[in-house]
């Protein structure tokens, strides 16, 4: 993700659960895997947290074969190969290559463009196109993209390009609290961004604090 945190996911045989087909469930971090004592090919107990998010709550030990393997937690970033680190005060492993890891760079730009942030009309595939073409490496690069650049990309027509550029121009008018949320400061979510924005009023005052 955009913060570099490596989040393990359980891939499961499809099952029906509370009206939907479930194939994946987050395992949060390495400690959760250890606590559940998960092994490869385990039969697991799955619930939906808040009737929405699938969660593994237990393992059927009676169904585990004697040669079942404990899954290997990665030691390097699956995207850029940088050795992972762990903050002694946190459970999560993360990739420290903030400015060179493609997944983190694209994740920050996707977050910046999201509806609750700058609300720019584009999704993950568009950001991947921009990144692969060398158009963007930071959110600020978005504002330098031109019509000819957009039309040079596969699948882009003038009408779609104009819609994107219009939403880009309109995004400069969002309130300060959404800008603060958009730039993705660690531990600053929507609510915290609103509190900080109300207190400081503008980015210059915040930077001086």
N, C-alpha and C. Protein backbone atom coordinates (compact mmCIF):
# COMPACT_ATOMS: atom_id res chain seq x y z
N UNK A 1 0.81 -1.20 0.00
CA UNK A 1 0.00 0.00 0.00
C UNK A 1 0.85 1.26 0.00
N UNK A 2 0.19 2.43 0.02
CA UNK A 2 0.89 3.71 -0.12
C UNK A 2 1.82 4.02 1.05
N UNK A 3 1.57 3.41 2.22
CA UNK A 3 2.43 3.66 3.37
C UNK A 3 3.59 2.68 3.44
N UNK A 4 3.62 1.70 2.54
CA UNK A 4 4.69 0.71 2.55
C UNK A 4 4.41 -0.50 3.41
N UNK A 5 3.30 -0.50 4.13
CA UNK A 5 2.97 -1.64 4.99
C UNK A 5 2.67 -2.88 4.15
N UNK A 6 3.27 -3.99 4.52
CA UNK A 6 3.04 -5.26 3.83
C UNK A 6 1.94 -6.02 4.60
N UNK A 7 0.81 -6.21 3.95
CA UNK A 7 -0.34 -6.84 4.60
C UNK A 7 -0.58 -8.23 4.02
N UNK A 8 -0.39 -9.29 4.84
CA UNK A 8 -0.63 -10.64 4.34
C UNK A 8 -2.12 -10.90 4.12
N UNK A 9 -2.41 -11.70 3.10
CA UNK A 9 -3.80 -12.03 2.76
C UNK A 9 -3.93 -13.54 2.61
N UNK A 10 -4.99 -14.09 3.15
CA UNK A 10 -5.28 -15.52 2.98
C UNK A 10 -6.06 -15.71 1.69
N UNK A 11 -5.55 -16.56 0.81
CA UNK A 11 -6.27 -16.95 -0.41
C UNK A 11 -6.96 -18.28 -0.15
N UNK A 12 -8.28 -18.31 -0.29
CA UNK A 12 -9.06 -19.48 0.11
C UNK A 12 -9.87 -20.02 -1.06
N UNK A 13 -10.26 -21.26 -0.96
CA UNK A 13 -11.21 -21.79 -1.93
C UNK A 13 -12.51 -21.03 -1.78
N UNK A 14 -13.17 -20.65 -2.89
CA UNK A 14 -14.38 -19.83 -2.81
C UNK A 14 -15.45 -20.45 -1.91
N UNK A 15 -16.09 -19.61 -1.10
CA UNK A 15 -17.18 -20.06 -0.24
C UNK A 15 -18.27 -18.99 -0.20
N UNK A 16 -19.49 -19.41 0.04
CA UNK A 16 -20.60 -18.49 0.21
C UNK A 16 -20.69 -18.07 1.67
N UNK A 17 -20.71 -16.78 1.91
CA UNK A 17 -20.77 -16.27 3.28
C UNK A 17 -21.59 -14.99 3.32
N UNK A 18 -22.71 -15.04 4.02
CA UNK A 18 -23.59 -13.87 4.19
C UNK A 18 -23.91 -13.20 2.85
N UNK A 19 -24.23 -14.04 1.86
CA UNK A 19 -24.73 -13.50 0.59
C UNK A 19 -23.68 -13.18 -0.45
N UNK A 20 -22.40 -13.38 -0.15
CA UNK A 20 -21.36 -13.09 -1.15
C UNK A 20 -20.37 -14.26 -1.23
N UNK A 21 -19.64 -14.31 -2.34
CA UNK A 21 -18.59 -15.31 -2.51
C UNK A 21 -17.29 -14.75 -1.96
N UNK A 22 -16.70 -15.45 -1.01
CA UNK A 22 -15.47 -14.99 -0.35
C UNK A 22 -14.30 -15.85 -0.82
N UNK A 23 -13.24 -15.19 -1.26
CA UNK A 23 -12.02 -15.89 -1.71
C UNK A 23 -10.78 -15.43 -0.95
N UNK A 24 -10.86 -14.26 -0.33
CA UNK A 24 -9.70 -13.69 0.34
C UNK A 24 -10.09 -13.11 1.69
N UNK A 25 -9.15 -13.12 2.62
CA UNK A 25 -9.38 -12.50 3.93
C UNK A 25 -8.06 -11.91 4.41
N UNK A 26 -8.09 -10.69 4.92
CA UNK A 26 -6.86 -10.07 5.41
C UNK A 26 -6.38 -10.79 6.68
N UNK A 27 -5.06 -10.89 6.79
CA UNK A 27 -4.46 -11.47 8.00
C UNK A 27 -3.74 -10.40 8.81
N UNK A 28 -3.84 -9.16 8.38
CA UNK A 28 -3.36 -7.98 9.10
C UNK A 28 -1.83 -7.90 9.21
N UNK A 29 -1.21 -8.85 9.91
CA UNK A 29 0.24 -8.80 10.08
C UNK A 29 0.77 -10.18 10.49
N UNK A 30 2.08 -10.29 10.63
CA UNK A 30 2.71 -11.58 10.94
C UNK A 30 2.26 -12.12 12.29
N UNK A 31 2.00 -11.24 13.25
CA UNK A 31 1.59 -11.68 14.59
C UNK A 31 0.25 -12.40 14.54
N UNK A 32 -0.66 -11.94 13.67
CA UNK A 32 -1.97 -12.59 13.54
C UNK A 32 -1.81 -14.00 12.99
N UNK A 33 -0.91 -14.17 12.02
CA UNK A 33 -0.65 -15.50 11.47
C UNK A 33 -0.13 -16.42 12.58
N UNK A 34 0.78 -15.89 13.40
CA UNK A 34 1.34 -16.69 14.50
C UNK A 34 0.29 -17.02 15.54
N UNK A 35 -0.55 -16.04 15.88
CA UNK A 35 -1.59 -16.25 16.90
C UNK A 35 -2.59 -17.31 16.46
N UNK A 36 -2.97 -17.27 15.18
CA UNK A 36 -3.90 -18.26 14.64
C UNK A 36 -3.22 -19.61 14.38
N UNK A 37 -1.88 -19.61 14.40
CA UNK A 37 -1.10 -20.80 14.09
C UNK A 37 -1.48 -21.34 12.71
N UNK A 38 -1.56 -20.44 11.73
CA UNK A 38 -1.98 -20.82 10.38
C UNK A 38 -0.89 -21.63 9.66
N UNK A 39 -1.32 -22.67 8.96
CA UNK A 39 -0.46 -23.46 8.09
C UNK A 39 -1.06 -23.47 6.69
N UNK A 40 -0.24 -23.78 5.71
CA UNK A 40 -0.74 -23.87 4.34
C UNK A 40 -1.78 -24.99 4.23
N UNK A 41 -2.84 -24.71 3.46
CA UNK A 41 -3.94 -25.66 3.21
C UNK A 41 -4.77 -25.99 4.45
N UNK A 42 -4.73 -25.13 5.46
CA UNK A 42 -5.59 -25.33 6.62
C UNK A 42 -7.06 -25.20 6.25
N UNK A 43 -7.91 -25.88 7.01
CA UNK A 43 -9.35 -25.63 6.98
C UNK A 43 -9.60 -24.55 8.03
N UNK A 44 -10.17 -23.42 7.61
CA UNK A 44 -10.30 -22.27 8.52
C UNK A 44 -11.75 -21.91 8.78
N UNK A 45 -11.96 -21.23 9.89
CA UNK A 45 -13.27 -20.70 10.26
C UNK A 45 -13.28 -19.22 9.88
N UNK A 46 -14.27 -18.82 9.09
CA UNK A 46 -14.32 -17.45 8.59
C UNK A 46 -15.63 -16.79 9.01
N UNK A 47 -15.52 -15.56 9.49
CA UNK A 47 -16.70 -14.76 9.82
C UNK A 47 -16.60 -13.43 9.07
N UNK A 48 -17.71 -12.71 9.03
CA UNK A 48 -17.69 -11.38 8.44
C UNK A 48 -17.76 -10.34 9.55
N UNK A 49 -16.69 -9.55 9.68
CA UNK A 49 -16.69 -8.48 10.67
C UNK A 49 -17.64 -7.38 10.24
N UNK A 50 -18.63 -7.07 11.08
CA UNK A 50 -19.61 -6.05 10.73
C UNK A 50 -20.41 -6.42 9.50
N UNK A 51 -20.52 -7.73 9.22
CA UNK A 51 -21.25 -8.24 8.06
C UNK A 51 -20.66 -7.78 6.73
N UNK A 52 -19.39 -7.33 6.74
CA UNK A 52 -18.79 -6.83 5.50
C UNK A 52 -17.44 -7.50 5.22
N UNK A 53 -16.51 -7.40 6.16
CA UNK A 53 -15.13 -7.81 5.91
C UNK A 53 -14.87 -9.23 6.40
N UNK A 54 -14.46 -10.15 5.50
CA UNK A 54 -14.16 -11.53 5.91
C UNK A 54 -12.97 -11.56 6.87
N UNK A 55 -13.09 -12.40 7.90
CA UNK A 55 -12.05 -12.49 8.91
C UNK A 55 -11.89 -13.95 9.34
N UNK A 56 -10.65 -14.43 9.36
CA UNK A 56 -10.38 -15.79 9.84
C UNK A 56 -10.31 -15.74 11.37
N UNK A 57 -11.14 -16.55 12.01
CA UNK A 57 -11.21 -16.53 13.47
C UNK A 57 -10.64 -17.79 14.11
N UNK A 58 -10.38 -18.82 13.30
CA UNK A 58 -9.86 -20.05 13.88
C UNK A 58 -9.47 -21.06 12.82
N UNK A 59 -8.86 -22.15 13.29
CA UNK A 59 -8.38 -23.21 12.40
C UNK A 59 -8.88 -24.56 12.91
N UNK A 60 -9.26 -25.43 11.98
CA UNK A 60 -9.68 -26.78 12.35
C UNK A 60 -8.43 -27.67 12.41
N UNK A 61 -7.87 -27.82 13.62
CA UNK A 61 -6.62 -28.58 13.78
C UNK A 61 -6.80 -30.05 13.45
N UNK A 62 -7.99 -30.58 13.64
CA UNK A 62 -8.24 -32.00 13.36
C UNK A 62 -8.10 -32.34 11.88
N UNK A 63 -8.26 -31.31 11.03
CA UNK A 63 -8.18 -31.53 9.58
C UNK A 63 -6.80 -31.24 9.02
N UNK A 64 -5.85 -30.87 9.87
CA UNK A 64 -4.52 -30.49 9.39
C UNK A 64 -3.65 -31.73 9.19
N UNK A 65 -3.08 -31.90 7.98
CA UNK A 65 -2.16 -33.03 7.76
C UNK A 65 -0.86 -32.85 8.54
N UNK A 66 -0.20 -33.93 8.84
CA UNK A 66 1.00 -33.89 9.68
C UNK A 66 2.16 -33.15 9.02
N UNK A 67 2.15 -33.06 7.68
CA UNK A 67 3.26 -32.42 6.98
C UNK A 67 2.94 -30.98 6.55
N UNK A 68 1.89 -30.38 7.13
CA UNK A 68 1.49 -29.01 6.76
C UNK A 68 2.60 -28.02 7.09
N UNK A 69 2.84 -27.09 6.15
CA UNK A 69 3.91 -26.11 6.32
C UNK A 69 3.39 -24.79 6.85
N UNK A 70 4.23 -24.15 7.68
CA UNK A 70 3.94 -22.78 8.10
C UNK A 70 4.32 -21.86 6.95
N UNK A 71 3.46 -20.93 6.57
CA UNK A 71 3.79 -20.05 5.44
C UNK A 71 4.98 -19.15 5.77
N UNK A 72 5.81 -18.91 4.76
CA UNK A 72 6.96 -18.03 4.93
C UNK A 72 6.54 -16.58 4.76
N UNK A 73 6.73 -15.77 5.81
CA UNK A 73 6.44 -14.35 5.68
C UNK A 73 7.58 -13.71 4.89
N UNK A 74 7.27 -12.83 3.93
CA UNK A 74 8.33 -12.26 3.09
C UNK A 74 9.35 -11.45 3.88
N UNK A 75 10.57 -11.47 3.42
CA UNK A 75 11.64 -10.69 4.05
C UNK A 75 11.99 -9.47 3.21
N UNK A 76 11.50 -9.45 1.94
CA UNK A 76 11.73 -8.30 1.07
C UNK A 76 10.41 -7.83 0.48
N UNK A 77 10.37 -6.59 0.05
CA UNK A 77 9.16 -6.03 -0.56
C UNK A 77 8.81 -6.81 -1.82
N UNK A 78 7.57 -7.27 -1.95
CA UNK A 78 7.18 -8.04 -3.14
C UNK A 78 7.16 -7.21 -4.42
N UNK A 79 7.25 -5.88 -4.29
CA UNK A 79 7.20 -5.03 -5.48
C UNK A 79 8.59 -4.55 -5.92
N UNK A 80 9.42 -4.08 -4.97
CA UNK A 80 10.71 -3.51 -5.35
C UNK A 80 11.91 -4.29 -4.83
N UNK A 81 11.68 -5.30 -3.97
CA UNK A 81 12.77 -6.15 -3.49
C UNK A 81 13.58 -5.58 -2.34
N UNK A 82 13.17 -4.43 -1.80
CA UNK A 82 13.89 -3.84 -0.67
C UNK A 82 13.64 -4.66 0.59
N UNK A 83 14.69 -4.93 1.41
CA UNK A 83 14.48 -5.65 2.68
C UNK A 83 13.45 -4.94 3.56
N UNK A 84 12.52 -5.71 4.11
CA UNK A 84 11.47 -5.14 4.95
C UNK A 84 12.01 -4.79 6.32
N UNK A 85 11.37 -3.82 6.97
CA UNK A 85 11.71 -3.43 8.33
C UNK A 85 10.47 -3.51 9.21
N UNK A 86 10.72 -3.54 10.51
CA UNK A 86 9.62 -3.56 11.47
C UNK A 86 9.90 -2.57 12.58
N UNK A 87 8.97 -1.67 12.82
CA UNK A 87 9.07 -0.73 13.92
C UNK A 87 8.88 -1.51 15.22
N UNK A 88 9.81 -1.39 16.18
CA UNK A 88 9.69 -2.15 17.43
C UNK A 88 8.37 -1.93 18.17
N UNK A 89 7.73 -0.78 17.94
CA UNK A 89 6.50 -0.45 18.65
C UNK A 89 5.25 -0.86 17.86
N UNK A 90 5.42 -1.43 16.66
CA UNK A 90 4.27 -1.79 15.84
C UNK A 90 4.39 -3.24 15.37
N UNK A 91 3.26 -3.81 14.97
CA UNK A 91 3.24 -5.21 14.54
C UNK A 91 3.52 -5.37 13.05
N UNK A 92 3.43 -4.27 12.31
CA UNK A 92 3.49 -4.37 10.86
C UNK A 92 4.92 -4.28 10.33
N UNK A 93 5.19 -5.08 9.29
CA UNK A 93 6.41 -4.96 8.53
C UNK A 93 6.15 -3.99 7.38
N UNK A 94 7.17 -3.21 6.99
CA UNK A 94 6.97 -2.24 5.93
C UNK A 94 8.20 -2.12 5.05
N UNK A 95 7.99 -1.62 3.83
CA UNK A 95 9.07 -1.36 2.87
C UNK A 95 9.54 0.07 3.09
N UNK A 96 10.82 0.28 3.42
CA UNK A 96 11.32 1.62 3.70
C UNK A 96 11.65 2.44 2.44
N UNK A 97 11.52 1.82 1.26
CA UNK A 97 11.89 2.48 0.01
C UNK A 97 10.77 3.40 -0.46
N UNK A 98 10.47 4.42 0.33
CA UNK A 98 9.31 5.26 0.10
C UNK A 98 9.31 5.93 -1.28
N UNK A 99 10.46 6.41 -1.71
CA UNK A 99 10.51 7.19 -2.95
C UNK A 99 10.88 6.37 -4.17
N UNK A 100 11.14 5.06 -3.98
CA UNK A 100 11.53 4.24 -5.11
C UNK A 100 10.67 3.02 -5.35
N UNK A 101 9.73 2.74 -4.43
CA UNK A 101 8.87 1.57 -4.55
C UNK A 101 7.64 1.92 -5.40
N UNK A 102 7.50 1.34 -6.60
CA UNK A 102 6.38 1.70 -7.48
C UNK A 102 5.01 1.58 -6.82
N UNK A 103 4.81 0.53 -6.01
CA UNK A 103 3.51 0.35 -5.38
C UNK A 103 3.18 1.50 -4.44
N UNK A 104 4.17 1.96 -3.68
CA UNK A 104 3.94 3.06 -2.75
C UNK A 104 3.69 4.37 -3.51
N UNK A 105 4.48 4.61 -4.54
CA UNK A 105 4.33 5.85 -5.32
C UNK A 105 2.93 5.90 -5.93
N UNK A 106 2.53 4.81 -6.59
CA UNK A 106 1.21 4.77 -7.21
C UNK A 106 0.10 4.85 -6.16
N UNK A 107 0.32 4.20 -5.02
CA UNK A 107 -0.67 4.22 -3.94
C UNK A 107 -0.92 5.62 -3.42
N UNK A 108 0.15 6.41 -3.29
CA UNK A 108 0.00 7.79 -2.81
C UNK A 108 -0.75 8.65 -3.81
N UNK A 109 -0.49 8.41 -5.10
CA UNK A 109 -1.18 9.18 -6.12
C UNK A 109 -2.66 8.80 -6.19
N UNK A 110 -2.95 7.51 -6.09
CA UNK A 110 -4.34 7.04 -6.07
C UNK A 110 -5.09 7.65 -4.89
N UNK A 111 -4.44 7.66 -3.73
CA UNK A 111 -5.05 8.26 -2.53
C UNK A 111 -5.30 9.74 -2.75
N UNK A 112 -4.33 10.44 -3.31
CA UNK A 112 -4.43 11.88 -3.56
C UNK A 112 -5.63 12.20 -4.46
N UNK A 113 -5.89 11.33 -5.45
CA UNK A 113 -6.96 11.58 -6.41
C UNK A 113 -8.33 11.10 -5.95
N UNK A 114 -8.40 10.40 -4.84
CA UNK A 114 -9.64 9.75 -4.42
C UNK A 114 -10.76 10.75 -4.13
N UNK A 115 -11.97 10.25 -4.11
CA UNK A 115 -13.16 11.10 -3.98
C UNK A 115 -13.15 11.94 -2.70
N UNK A 116 -12.70 11.37 -1.59
CA UNK A 116 -12.70 12.10 -0.32
C UNK A 116 -11.48 13.03 -0.18
N UNK A 117 -10.58 12.94 -1.16
CA UNK A 117 -9.41 13.81 -1.14
C UNK A 117 -9.58 14.89 -2.22
N UNK A 118 -8.86 14.78 -3.33
CA UNK A 118 -8.94 15.81 -4.37
C UNK A 118 -10.02 15.55 -5.42
N UNK A 119 -10.60 14.35 -5.40
CA UNK A 119 -11.72 14.00 -6.28
C UNK A 119 -11.40 14.23 -7.75
N UNK A 120 -10.29 13.63 -8.20
CA UNK A 120 -9.90 13.71 -9.60
C UNK A 120 -10.38 12.44 -10.31
N UNK A 121 -10.98 12.59 -11.47
CA UNK A 121 -11.63 11.48 -12.15
C UNK A 121 -10.61 10.54 -12.81
N UNK A 122 -10.13 9.58 -12.03
CA UNK A 122 -9.21 8.57 -12.54
C UNK A 122 -9.10 7.47 -11.50
N UNK A 123 -8.76 6.26 -11.95
CA UNK A 123 -8.64 5.12 -11.05
C UNK A 123 -7.26 4.51 -11.09
N UNK A 124 -7.15 3.31 -10.53
CA UNK A 124 -5.86 2.64 -10.43
C UNK A 124 -5.22 2.39 -11.79
N UNK A 125 -6.00 1.95 -12.77
CA UNK A 125 -5.44 1.63 -14.09
C UNK A 125 -4.89 2.89 -14.75
N UNK A 126 -5.57 4.03 -14.54
CA UNK A 126 -5.09 5.29 -15.11
C UNK A 126 -3.77 5.71 -14.48
N UNK A 127 -3.70 5.59 -13.16
CA UNK A 127 -2.46 5.94 -12.46
C UNK A 127 -1.31 5.04 -12.92
N UNK A 128 -1.60 3.76 -13.12
CA UNK A 128 -0.58 2.84 -13.61
C UNK A 128 -0.10 3.26 -15.00
N UNK A 129 -1.03 3.70 -15.85
CA UNK A 129 -0.67 4.21 -17.19
C UNK A 129 0.26 5.41 -17.07
N UNK A 130 -0.12 6.37 -16.22
CA UNK A 130 0.67 7.58 -16.05
C UNK A 130 2.07 7.25 -15.52
N UNK A 131 2.12 6.32 -14.57
CA UNK A 131 3.40 5.95 -13.97
C UNK A 131 4.29 5.26 -14.99
N UNK A 132 3.72 4.29 -15.72
CA UNK A 132 4.49 3.53 -16.70
C UNK A 132 5.00 4.43 -17.84
N UNK A 133 4.23 5.47 -18.15
CA UNK A 133 4.63 6.39 -19.22
C UNK A 133 5.63 7.43 -18.73
N UNK A 134 5.87 7.46 -17.41
CA UNK A 134 6.81 8.42 -16.85
C UNK A 134 6.22 9.80 -16.63
N UNK A 135 4.88 9.91 -16.66
CA UNK A 135 4.24 11.21 -16.49
C UNK A 135 4.21 11.67 -15.03
N UNK A 136 4.08 10.72 -14.10
CA UNK A 136 3.94 11.09 -12.69
C UNK A 136 4.86 10.27 -11.80
N UNK A 137 5.44 10.95 -10.82
CA UNK A 137 6.17 10.31 -9.73
C UNK A 137 5.73 10.87 -8.38
N UNK A 138 5.07 12.04 -8.42
CA UNK A 138 4.49 12.64 -7.22
C UNK A 138 3.11 13.18 -7.59
N UNK A 139 2.23 13.41 -6.62
CA UNK A 139 0.93 13.98 -6.95
C UNK A 139 1.03 15.31 -7.69
N UNK A 140 2.05 16.10 -7.38
CA UNK A 140 2.20 17.40 -8.05
C UNK A 140 2.37 17.25 -9.56
N UNK A 141 2.95 16.12 -9.99
CA UNK A 141 3.16 15.90 -11.42
C UNK A 141 1.86 15.83 -12.20
N UNK A 142 0.77 15.48 -11.53
CA UNK A 142 -0.52 15.39 -12.21
C UNK A 142 -0.88 16.71 -12.89
N UNK A 143 -0.51 17.82 -12.23
CA UNK A 143 -0.93 19.13 -12.73
C UNK A 143 -0.09 19.62 -13.91
N UNK A 144 0.88 18.80 -14.34
CA UNK A 144 1.68 19.13 -15.53
C UNK A 144 1.27 18.28 -16.73
N UNK A 145 0.33 17.36 -16.55
CA UNK A 145 -0.09 16.50 -17.65
C UNK A 145 -0.87 17.31 -18.70
N UNK A 146 -0.57 17.08 -19.96
CA UNK A 146 -1.18 17.84 -21.05
C UNK A 146 -2.10 16.97 -21.90
N UNK A 147 -2.92 17.62 -22.69
CA UNK A 147 -3.80 16.91 -23.61
C UNK A 147 -3.02 16.00 -24.57
N UNK A 148 -1.93 16.49 -25.22
CA UNK A 148 -1.17 15.60 -26.11
C UNK A 148 -0.62 14.36 -25.40
N UNK A 149 -0.20 14.52 -24.14
CA UNK A 149 0.29 13.36 -23.39
C UNK A 149 -0.82 12.34 -23.19
N UNK A 150 -2.01 12.81 -22.82
CA UNK A 150 -3.14 11.91 -22.59
C UNK A 150 -3.52 11.17 -23.88
N UNK A 151 -3.56 11.90 -24.98
CA UNK A 151 -3.96 11.29 -26.25
C UNK A 151 -2.90 10.32 -26.78
N UNK A 152 -1.69 10.39 -26.24
CA UNK A 152 -0.65 9.45 -26.66
C UNK A 152 -0.79 8.10 -25.97
N UNK A 153 -1.65 8.03 -24.93
CA UNK A 153 -1.83 6.79 -24.19
C UNK A 153 -2.91 5.92 -24.84
N UNK A 154 -2.76 4.62 -24.69
CA UNK A 154 -3.71 3.67 -25.26
C UNK A 154 -5.10 3.84 -24.63
N UNK A 155 -6.12 3.90 -25.46
CA UNK A 155 -7.49 3.95 -24.97
C UNK A 155 -8.02 5.35 -24.67
N UNK A 156 -7.20 6.38 -24.81
CA UNK A 156 -7.64 7.74 -24.49
C UNK A 156 -8.15 8.46 -25.74
N UNK A 157 -9.35 9.03 -25.62
CA UNK A 157 -9.92 9.87 -26.67
C UNK A 157 -10.06 11.29 -26.12
N UNK A 158 -10.32 12.24 -26.99
CA UNK A 158 -10.32 13.64 -26.60
C UNK A 158 -11.37 13.95 -25.52
N UNK A 159 -12.55 13.33 -25.64
CA UNK A 159 -13.61 13.61 -24.66
C UNK A 159 -13.20 13.16 -23.26
N UNK A 160 -12.65 11.95 -23.14
CA UNK A 160 -12.22 11.43 -21.84
C UNK A 160 -11.06 12.26 -21.30
N UNK A 161 -10.15 12.65 -22.18
CA UNK A 161 -9.01 13.45 -21.75
C UNK A 161 -9.47 14.80 -21.22
N UNK A 162 -10.46 15.41 -21.88
CA UNK A 162 -10.96 16.71 -21.43
C UNK A 162 -11.67 16.59 -20.08
N UNK A 163 -12.41 15.50 -19.90
CA UNK A 163 -13.08 15.28 -18.60
C UNK A 163 -12.05 15.17 -17.48
N UNK A 164 -10.96 14.46 -17.76
CA UNK A 164 -9.91 14.32 -16.75
C UNK A 164 -9.28 15.68 -16.45
N UNK A 165 -8.92 16.43 -17.48
CA UNK A 165 -8.27 17.73 -17.27
C UNK A 165 -9.20 18.71 -16.54
N UNK A 166 -10.50 18.62 -16.83
CA UNK A 166 -11.46 19.49 -16.13
C UNK A 166 -11.52 19.14 -14.65
N UNK A 167 -11.58 17.86 -14.33
CA UNK A 167 -11.62 17.45 -12.92
C UNK A 167 -10.32 17.82 -12.21
N UNK A 168 -9.22 17.79 -12.95
CA UNK A 168 -7.92 18.19 -12.40
C UNK A 168 -7.94 19.67 -12.04
N UNK A 169 -8.47 20.49 -12.95
CA UNK A 169 -8.55 21.94 -12.71
C UNK A 169 -9.48 22.25 -11.54
N UNK A 170 -10.59 21.52 -11.44
CA UNK A 170 -11.54 21.76 -10.35
C UNK A 170 -11.00 21.31 -9.00
N UNK A 171 -10.04 20.38 -9.02
CA UNK A 171 -9.53 19.84 -7.76
C UNK A 171 -8.74 20.85 -6.95
N UNK A 172 -8.30 21.94 -7.58
CA UNK A 172 -7.54 22.94 -6.83
C UNK A 172 -8.43 23.74 -5.89
N UNK A 173 -9.74 23.57 -6.00
CA UNK A 173 -10.68 24.33 -5.18
C UNK A 173 -11.18 23.57 -3.96
N UNK A 174 -10.70 22.36 -3.73
CA UNK A 174 -11.20 21.61 -2.56
C UNK A 174 -10.70 22.27 -1.28
N UNK A 175 -11.44 22.12 -0.16
CA UNK A 175 -11.05 22.76 1.11
C UNK A 175 -9.71 22.24 1.62
N UNK A 176 -9.06 23.04 2.47
CA UNK A 176 -7.75 22.72 3.01
C UNK A 176 -7.74 21.36 3.72
N UNK A 177 -8.81 21.03 4.43
CA UNK A 177 -8.83 19.75 5.16
C UNK A 177 -8.71 18.56 4.21
N UNK A 178 -9.27 18.68 3.02
CA UNK A 178 -9.18 17.59 2.05
C UNK A 178 -7.80 17.54 1.38
N UNK A 179 -7.18 18.70 1.22
CA UNK A 179 -5.81 18.74 0.72
C UNK A 179 -4.88 18.05 1.72
N UNK A 180 -5.08 18.36 2.98
CA UNK A 180 -4.26 17.78 4.05
C UNK A 180 -4.43 16.27 4.10
N UNK A 181 -5.65 15.80 3.93
CA UNK A 181 -5.91 14.36 3.88
C UNK A 181 -5.27 13.76 2.63
N UNK A 182 -5.35 14.48 1.51
CA UNK A 182 -4.88 13.97 0.22
C UNK A 182 -3.38 13.71 0.20
N UNK A 183 -2.60 14.55 0.88
CA UNK A 183 -1.15 14.40 0.78
C UNK A 183 -0.63 13.22 1.60
N UNK A 184 -1.50 12.60 2.40
CA UNK A 184 -1.18 11.29 2.97
C UNK A 184 -0.13 11.29 4.07
N UNK A 185 -0.21 12.23 4.99
CA UNK A 185 0.68 12.22 6.14
C UNK A 185 0.34 11.02 7.02
N UNK A 186 1.34 10.33 7.50
CA UNK A 186 1.10 9.14 8.31
C UNK A 186 0.30 9.51 9.56
N UNK A 187 -0.70 8.71 9.86
CA UNK A 187 -1.60 8.88 11.01
C UNK A 187 -2.62 10.02 10.82
N UNK A 188 -2.63 10.68 9.67
CA UNK A 188 -3.59 11.76 9.44
C UNK A 188 -4.68 11.28 8.49
N UNK A 189 -5.78 10.81 9.07
CA UNK A 189 -6.94 10.40 8.29
C UNK A 189 -7.90 11.57 8.13
N UNK A 190 -9.11 11.26 7.68
CA UNK A 190 -10.09 12.32 7.45
C UNK A 190 -10.38 13.16 8.68
N UNK A 191 -10.66 12.48 9.79
CA UNK A 191 -11.06 13.20 11.02
C UNK A 191 -9.92 14.05 11.56
N UNK A 192 -8.72 13.49 11.60
CA UNK A 192 -7.57 14.24 12.10
C UNK A 192 -7.26 15.42 11.18
N UNK A 193 -7.39 15.21 9.88
CA UNK A 193 -7.14 16.30 8.92
C UNK A 193 -8.11 17.47 9.17
N UNK A 194 -9.37 17.16 9.46
CA UNK A 194 -10.35 18.22 9.76
C UNK A 194 -9.97 18.99 11.01
N UNK A 195 -9.53 18.27 12.04
CA UNK A 195 -9.15 18.93 13.30
C UNK A 195 -7.94 19.83 13.10
N UNK A 196 -6.95 19.33 12.38
CA UNK A 196 -5.73 20.11 12.12
C UNK A 196 -6.05 21.34 11.27
N UNK A 197 -6.89 21.15 10.25
CA UNK A 197 -7.25 22.25 9.37
C UNK A 197 -8.00 23.35 10.12
N UNK A 198 -8.90 22.94 11.01
CA UNK A 198 -9.64 23.92 11.80
C UNK A 198 -8.71 24.71 12.71
N UNK A 199 -7.72 24.03 13.26
CA UNK A 199 -6.82 24.67 14.22
C UNK A 199 -5.84 25.62 13.54
N UNK A 200 -5.22 25.17 12.43
CA UNK A 200 -4.15 25.96 11.81
C UNK A 200 -4.63 26.86 10.67
N UNK A 201 -5.69 26.45 9.99
CA UNK A 201 -6.25 27.31 8.96
C UNK A 201 -5.63 27.20 7.58
N UNK A 202 -4.31 27.08 7.51
CA UNK A 202 -3.65 26.97 6.20
C UNK A 202 -2.33 26.21 6.35
N UNK A 203 -1.77 25.81 5.20
CA UNK A 203 -0.58 24.97 5.19
C UNK A 203 0.65 25.69 5.74
N UNK A 204 0.75 27.02 5.51
CA UNK A 204 1.91 27.76 6.00
C UNK A 204 1.97 27.78 7.54
N UNK A 205 0.81 27.98 8.15
CA UNK A 205 0.75 27.99 9.62
C UNK A 205 1.09 26.61 10.17
N UNK A 206 0.63 25.58 9.49
CA UNK A 206 0.91 24.22 9.92
C UNK A 206 2.41 23.91 9.83
N UNK A 207 3.04 24.34 8.74
CA UNK A 207 4.47 24.08 8.55
C UNK A 207 5.34 24.82 9.57
N UNK A 208 4.86 25.97 10.05
CA UNK A 208 5.62 26.72 11.04
C UNK A 208 5.49 26.14 12.44
N UNK A 209 4.44 25.34 12.65
CA UNK A 209 4.14 24.82 14.00
C UNK A 209 5.16 23.76 14.42
